[in-house]
């Protein structure tokens, strides 16, 4: 949709992979805030609406995932992000974003939810930019 085109354009304009990731999350949050304020529906109605809308969002969700994954892959290639599986990180980050989005759509506590979004972004960026090597050893320890 139009919102995704705007998101992709904003990410393209950002410089570094970290800036692109920040832009991705900030633009999505701003878009969601606009939707929340525009719809202004009761919580029960929003809870019913979310599952109904999901099938119509699949293509946009796939594009959103591809965009986020490309940011992480670029950051890894440039040495800005230390990550073993960019797609897994992108999937996890989107799951968190969508969870917070659901809370924003159904909650009156906008400030607290935006704070959660901001904290998640900082945590993700710290994790992606840590300089210690990521171990490929996935065997259990003990």
C-alpha atoms as a PDB file:
ATOM      1  CA  UNK A   1       0.000   0.000   0.000  1.00  0.00           C
ATOM      2  CA  UNK A   2       0.815   3.661   0.030  1.00  0.00           C
ATOM      3  CA  UNK A   3       2.189   3.541   3.576  1.00  0.00           C
ATOM      4  CA  UNK A   4       4.723   0.902   2.556  1.00  0.00           C
ATOM      5  CA  UNK A   5       5.854   2.943  -0.452  1.00  0.00           C
ATOM      6  CA  UNK A   6       6.418   5.887   1.899  1.00  0.00           C
ATOM      7  CA  UNK A   7       8.335   3.636   4.320  1.00  0.00           C
ATOM      8  CA  UNK A   8      10.566   2.262   1.549  1.00  0.00           C
ATOM      9  CA  UNK A   9      11.329   5.776   0.280  1.00  0.00           C
ATOM     10  CA  UNK A  10      12.176   7.040   3.776  1.00  0.00           C
ATOM     11  CA  UNK A  11      14.519   4.087   4.367  1.00  0.00           C
ATOM     12  CA  UNK A  12      16.257   4.671   1.006  1.00  0.00           C
ATOM     13  CA  UNK A  13      16.962   8.291   1.996  1.00  0.00           C
ATOM     14  CA  UNK A  14      18.616   7.270   5.286  1.00  0.00           C
ATOM     15  CA  UNK A  15      22.391   6.884   5.201  1.00  0.00           C
ATOM     16  CA  UNK A  16      23.827   4.169   7.385  1.00  0.00           C
ATOM     17  CA  UNK A  17      22.210   0.814   8.154  1.00  0.00           C
ATOM     18  CA  UNK A  18      21.626   2.026  11.736  1.00  0.00           C
ATOM     19  CA  UNK A  19      19.888   5.157  10.396  1.00  0.00           C
ATOM     20  CA  UNK A  20      17.827   2.990   8.058  1.00  0.00           C
ATOM     21  CA  UNK A  21      16.732   0.766  10.931  1.00  0.00           C
ATOM     22  CA  UNK A  22      15.822   3.784  13.074  1.00  0.00           C
ATOM     23  CA  UNK A  23      13.925   5.297  10.148  1.00  0.00           C
ATOM     24  CA  UNK A  24      12.068   2.036   9.519  1.00  0.00           C
ATOM     25  CA  UNK A  25      10.840   1.848  13.106  1.00  0.00           C
ATOM     26  CA  UNK A  26      10.118   5.565  13.506  1.00  0.00           C
ATOM     27  CA  UNK A  27       8.139   5.802  10.252  1.00  0.00           C
ATOM     28  CA  UNK A  28       6.122   2.673  11.091  1.00  0.00           C
ATOM     29  CA  UNK A  29       5.370   4.070  14.551  1.00  0.00           C
ATOM     30  CA  UNK A  30       4.242   7.410  13.090  1.00  0.00           C
ATOM     31  CA  UNK A  31       2.046   5.626  10.541  1.00  0.00           C
ATOM     32  CA  UNK A  32       0.478   3.498  13.250  1.00  0.00           C
ATOM     33  CA  UNK A  33      -0.156   6.533  15.444  1.00  0.00           C
ATOM     34  CA  UNK A  34      -1.960   8.246  12.552  1.00  0.00           C
ATOM     35  CA  UNK A  35      -4.103   5.154  11.950  1.00  0.00           C
ATOM     36  CA  UNK A  36      -4.929   4.887  15.648  1.00  0.00           C
ATOM     37  CA  UNK A  37      -5.994   8.522  15.863  1.00  0.00           C
ATOM     38  CA  UNK A  38      -7.891   8.428  12.571  1.00  0.00           C
ATOM     39  CA  UNK A  39      -9.885   5.296  13.346  1.00  0.00           C
ATOM     40  CA  UNK A  40     -10.605   6.137  16.969  1.00  0.00           C
ATOM     41  CA  UNK A  41     -12.553   2.891  17.420  1.00  0.00           C
ATOM     42  CA  UNK A  42     -13.431   1.211  20.716  1.00  0.00           C
ATOM     43  CA  UNK A  43     -10.948  -1.430  21.892  1.00  0.00           C
ATOM     44  CA  UNK A  44     -13.395  -4.315  21.365  1.00  0.00           C
ATOM     45  CA  UNK A  45     -13.934  -3.265  17.743  1.00  0.00           C
ATOM     46  CA  UNK A  46     -10.176  -3.017  17.110  1.00  0.00           C
ATOM     47  CA  UNK A  47      -9.628  -6.486  18.589  1.00  0.00           C
ATOM     48  CA  UNK A  48     -12.214  -7.865  16.158  1.00  0.00           C
ATOM     49  CA  UNK A  49     -10.787  -5.919  13.225  1.00  0.00           C
ATOM     50  CA  UNK A  50      -7.147  -7.045  13.507  1.00  0.00           C
ATOM     51  CA  UNK A  51      -7.659 -10.751  12.592  1.00  0.00           C
ATOM     52  CA  UNK A  52     -10.089  -9.834   9.804  1.00  0.00           C
ATOM     53  CA  UNK A  53      -7.558  -7.447   8.247  1.00  0.00           C
ATOM     54  CA  UNK A  54      -4.603  -9.854   8.455  1.00  0.00           C
ATOM     55  CA  UNK A  55      -5.234 -11.725   5.144  1.00  0.00           C
ATOM     56  CA  UNK A  56      -5.271  -8.397   3.310  1.00  0.00           C
ATOM     57  CA  UNK A  57      -1.918  -7.431   4.799  1.00  0.00           C
ATOM     58  CA  UNK A  58       0.100 -10.509   3.782  1.00  0.00           C
ATOM     59  CA  UNK A  59       1.724  -8.962   0.710  1.00  0.00           C
ATOM     60  CA  UNK A  60       2.610  -5.775   2.600  1.00  0.00           C
ATOM     61  CA  UNK A  61       3.987  -7.823   5.505  1.00  0.00           C
ATOM     62  CA  UNK A  62       6.198  -9.774   3.076  1.00  0.00           C
ATOM     63  CA  UNK A  63       7.519  -6.519   1.564  1.00  0.00           C
ATOM     64  CA  UNK A  64       8.029  -5.102   5.042  1.00  0.00           C
ATOM     65  CA  UNK A  65      10.025  -8.200   6.036  1.00  0.00           C
ATOM     66  CA  UNK A  66      12.116  -8.018   2.862  1.00  0.00           C
ATOM     67  CA  UNK A  67      12.899  -4.353   3.501  1.00  0.00           C
ATOM     68  CA  UNK A  68      13.889  -4.954   7.106  1.00  0.00           C
ATOM     69  CA  UNK A  69      15.972  -7.977   6.161  1.00  0.00           C
ATOM     70  CA  UNK A  70      17.767  -5.953   3.465  1.00  0.00           C
ATOM     71  CA  UNK A  71      18.694  -3.309   6.063  1.00  0.00           C
ATOM     72  CA  UNK A  72      20.172  -5.974   8.333  1.00  0.00           C
ATOM     73  CA  UNK A  73      22.003  -7.714   5.453  1.00  0.00           C
ATOM     74  CA  UNK A  74      23.469  -4.364   4.367  1.00  0.00           C
ATOM     75  CA  UNK A  75      24.566  -3.627   7.922  1.00  0.00           C
ATOM     76  CA  UNK A  76      26.186  -7.038   8.188  1.00  0.00           C
ATOM     77  CA  UNK A  77      27.988  -6.587   4.848  1.00  0.00           C
ATOM     78  CA  UNK A  78      29.317  -3.195   5.962  1.00  0.00           C
ATOM     79  CA  UNK A  79      30.420  -4.537   9.332  1.00  0.00           C
ATOM     80  CA  UNK A  80      27.955  -2.283  11.147  1.00  0.00           C
ATOM     81  CA  UNK A  81      25.825  -5.181  12.434  1.00  0.00           C
ATOM     82  CA  UNK A  82      27.075  -8.434  13.893  1.00  0.00           C
ATOM     83  CA  UNK A  83      24.410 -11.008  13.143  1.00  0.00           C
ATOM     84  CA  UNK A  84      24.387 -14.618  12.047  1.00  0.00           C
ATOM     85  CA  UNK A  85      20.881 -14.927  10.570  1.00  0.00           C
ATOM     86  CA  UNK A  86      19.527 -11.617   9.201  1.00  0.00           C
ATOM     87  CA  UNK A  87      16.147 -13.133   8.270  1.00  0.00           C
ATOM     88  CA  UNK A  88      15.616 -14.530  11.764  1.00  0.00           C
ATOM     89  CA  UNK A  89      16.479 -11.164  13.301  1.00  0.00           C
ATOM     90  CA  UNK A  90      14.107  -9.404  10.877  1.00  0.00           C
ATOM     91  CA  UNK A  91      11.303 -11.853  11.688  1.00  0.00           C
ATOM     92  CA  UNK A  92      11.816 -11.411  15.428  1.00  0.00           C
ATOM     93  CA  UNK A  93      11.937  -7.642  15.169  1.00  0.00           C
ATOM     94  CA  UNK A  94       8.760  -7.548  13.072  1.00  0.00           C
ATOM     95  CA  UNK A  95       6.996  -9.817  15.540  1.00  0.00           C
ATOM     96  CA  UNK A  96       7.909  -7.384  18.312  1.00  0.00           C
ATOM     97  CA  UNK A  97       6.835  -4.392  16.244  1.00  0.00           C
ATOM     98  CA  UNK A  98       3.514  -5.978  15.368  1.00  0.00           C
ATOM     99  CA  UNK A  99       2.944  -6.899  19.013  1.00  0.00           C
ATOM    100  CA  UNK A 100       3.534  -3.319  20.083  1.00  0.00           C
ATOM    101  CA  UNK A 101       1.399  -2.143  17.162  1.00  0.00           C
ATOM    102  CA  UNK A 102      -1.465  -4.282  18.413  1.00  0.00           C
ATOM    103  CA  UNK A 103      -1.064  -2.777  21.872  1.00  0.00           C
ATOM    104  CA  UNK A 104      -1.070   0.747  20.405  1.00  0.00           C
ATOM    105  CA  UNK A 105      -4.236   0.061  18.442  1.00  0.00           C
ATOM    106  CA  UNK A 106      -6.097  -1.282  21.462  1.00  0.00           C
ATOM    107  CA  UNK A 107      -4.721   0.858  24.276  1.00  0.00           C
ATOM    108  CA  UNK A 108      -5.167   4.358  25.576  1.00  0.00           C
ATOM    109  CA  UNK A 109      -1.633   4.287  27.009  1.00  0.00           C
ATOM    110  CA  UNK A 110       0.052   5.639  23.862  1.00  0.00           C
ATOM    111  CA  UNK A 111       3.025   7.152  25.699  1.00  0.00           C
ATOM    112  CA  UNK A 112       3.893   3.895  27.460  1.00  0.00           C
ATOM    113  CA  UNK A 113       3.597   1.884  24.241  1.00  0.00           C
ATOM    114  CA  UNK A 114       5.770   4.376  22.350  1.00  0.00           C
ATOM    115  CA  UNK A 115       8.285   4.107  25.178  1.00  0.00           C
ATOM    116  CA  UNK A 116       8.267   0.327  24.713  1.00  0.00           C
ATOM    117  CA  UNK A 117       8.891   0.790  21.004  1.00  0.00           C
ATOM    118  CA  UNK A 118      11.781   3.150  21.669  1.00  0.00           C
ATOM    119  CA  UNK A 119      13.316   0.775  24.219  1.00  0.00           C
ATOM    120  CA  UNK A 120      12.992  -2.150  21.812  1.00  0.00           C
ATOM    121  CA  UNK A 121      14.754  -0.160  19.087  1.00  0.00           C
ATOM    122  CA  UNK A 122      17.653   0.705  21.380  1.00  0.00           C
ATOM    123  CA  UNK A 123      17.951  -2.901  22.553  1.00  0.00           C
ATOM    124  CA  UNK A 124      17.963  -4.206  18.977  1.00  0.00           C
ATOM    125  CA  UNK A 125      20.562  -1.660  17.884  1.00  0.00           C
ATOM    126  CA  UNK A 126      22.827  -2.488  20.841  1.00  0.00           C
ATOM    127  CA  UNK A 127      22.528  -6.174  20.014  1.00  0.00           C
ATOM    128  CA  UNK A 128      23.156  -5.706  16.297  1.00  0.00           C
ATOM    129  CA  UNK A 129      26.173  -3.464  16.825  1.00  0.00           C
ATOM    130  CA  UNK A 130      27.918  -5.398  19.583  1.00  0.00           C
ATOM    131  CA  UNK A 131      31.532  -5.960  18.688  1.00  0.00           C
ATOM    132  CA  UNK A 132      32.126  -9.366  20.254  1.00  0.00           C
ATOM    133  CA  UNK A 133      31.939 -12.118  17.643  1.00  0.00           C
ATOM    134  CA  UNK A 134      28.749 -14.115  17.324  1.00  0.00           C
ATOM    135  CA  UNK A 135      29.505 -17.760  17.950  1.00  0.00           C
ATOM    136  CA  UNK A 136      28.431 -20.296  15.359  1.00  0.00           C
ATOM    137  CA  UNK A 137      28.407 -22.947  18.080  1.00  0.00           C
ATOM    138  CA  UNK A 138      24.780 -23.792  18.747  1.00  0.00           C
ATOM    139  CA  UNK A 139      25.469 -26.881  20.850  1.00  0.00           C
ATOM    140  CA  UNK A 140      24.105 -26.868  24.412  1.00  0.00           C
ATOM    141  CA  UNK A 141      26.513 -25.925  27.135  1.00  0.00           C
ATOM    142  CA  UNK A 142      26.769 -27.607  30.428  1.00  0.00           C
END
